[in-house]
Amino acid sequence: MAIDPEVIPPSSEKGSRAGKYIPKWAVYSSAGVGVLILVGLIKTLLPLIGMAFLLAFIWSQSETYRRY
């Protein structure tokens, strides 16, 4: 049974929570979309970070073995 906001004064605890209902499906779907975005970012950034480290390693090796 829903609480009618006009019946309970807003200063009470039940009155402050009366109009602030968020459906569970909205919370779960937003969490799911957030996880998908996070996984997409990780899948995008990890290869770039790996290539940066590989290029830094190759660059450091090429700097140390100059023979001229």
Protein backbone atom coordinates (compact mmCIF):
# COMPACT_ATOMS: atom_id res chain seq x y z
CA MET A 1 0.00 0.00 0.00
CA ALA A 2 1.43 3.36 -1.01
CA ILE A 3 1.66 6.24 1.44
CA ASP A 4 -0.22 9.36 0.39
CA PRO A 5 2.22 12.30 0.79
CA GLU A 6 -0.57 14.73 1.78
CA VAL A 7 -1.64 12.65 4.80
CA ILE A 8 1.74 12.38 6.55
CA PRO A 9 3.67 15.57 7.29
CA PRO A 10 7.02 15.81 5.46
CA SER A 11 8.89 16.41 8.72
CA SER A 12 8.32 12.80 9.85
CA GLU A 13 10.51 9.90 8.67
CA LYS A 14 7.74 8.19 6.70
CA GLY A 15 6.72 11.46 5.12
CA SER A 16 10.21 12.16 3.81
CA ARG A 17 10.34 8.72 2.16
CA ALA A 18 6.79 8.80 0.77
CA GLY A 19 7.54 10.32 -2.65
CA LYS A 20 11.04 8.90 -3.21
CA TYR A 21 10.35 5.46 -4.65
CA ILE A 22 12.74 4.12 -7.31
CA PRO A 23 11.74 0.82 -8.93
CA LYS A 24 14.12 -2.10 -8.50
CA TRP A 25 14.22 -2.78 -12.23
CA ALA A 26 15.54 0.73 -12.84
CA VAL A 27 18.33 0.23 -10.29
CA TYR A 28 19.28 -3.19 -11.69
CA SER A 29 19.14 -2.09 -15.32
CA SER A 30 21.27 0.99 -14.66
CA ALA A 31 23.79 -1.17 -12.79
CA GLY A 32 23.86 -3.59 -15.74
CA VAL A 33 24.43 -0.81 -18.25
CA GLY A 34 27.18 0.60 -16.02
CA VAL A 35 28.92 -2.79 -15.93
CA LEU A 36 28.71 -3.08 -19.72
CA ILE A 37 30.23 0.39 -20.15
CA LEU A 38 33.00 -0.44 -17.66
CA VAL A 39 33.84 -3.70 -19.45
CA GLY A 40 33.89 -1.87 -22.79
CA LEU A 41 36.29 0.75 -21.45
CA ILE A 42 38.58 -1.91 -19.99
CA LYS A 43 38.57 -3.85 -23.26
CA THR A 44 39.49 -0.67 -25.11
CA LEU A 45 42.15 0.66 -22.75
CA LEU A 46 44.07 -2.52 -21.85
CA PRO A 47 45.47 -3.14 -25.36
CA LEU A 48 46.47 0.52 -25.64
CA ILE A 49 48.28 0.39 -22.30
CA GLY A 50 49.98 -2.87 -23.30
CA MET A 51 51.17 -1.40 -26.59
CA ALA A 52 52.49 1.69 -24.79
CA PHE A 53 54.53 -0.48 -22.43
CA LEU A 54 55.80 -2.60 -25.33
CA LEU A 55 56.85 0.49 -27.28
CA ALA A 56 58.55 1.93 -24.20
CA PHE A 57 60.47 -1.33 -23.75
CA ILE A 58 61.52 -1.43 -27.42
CA TRP A 59 62.57 2.23 -27.25
CA SER A 60 64.65 1.64 -24.12
CA GLN A 61 66.34 -1.38 -25.69
CA SER A 62 67.15 0.51 -28.87
CA GLU A 63 68.72 3.34 -26.86
CA THR A 64 71.06 1.01 -24.92
CA TYR A 65 72.44 -1.02 -27.87
CA ARG A 66 73.72 1.69 -30.21
CA ARG A 67 77.09 0.61 -31.70
CA TYR A 68 78.35 3.45 -33.82
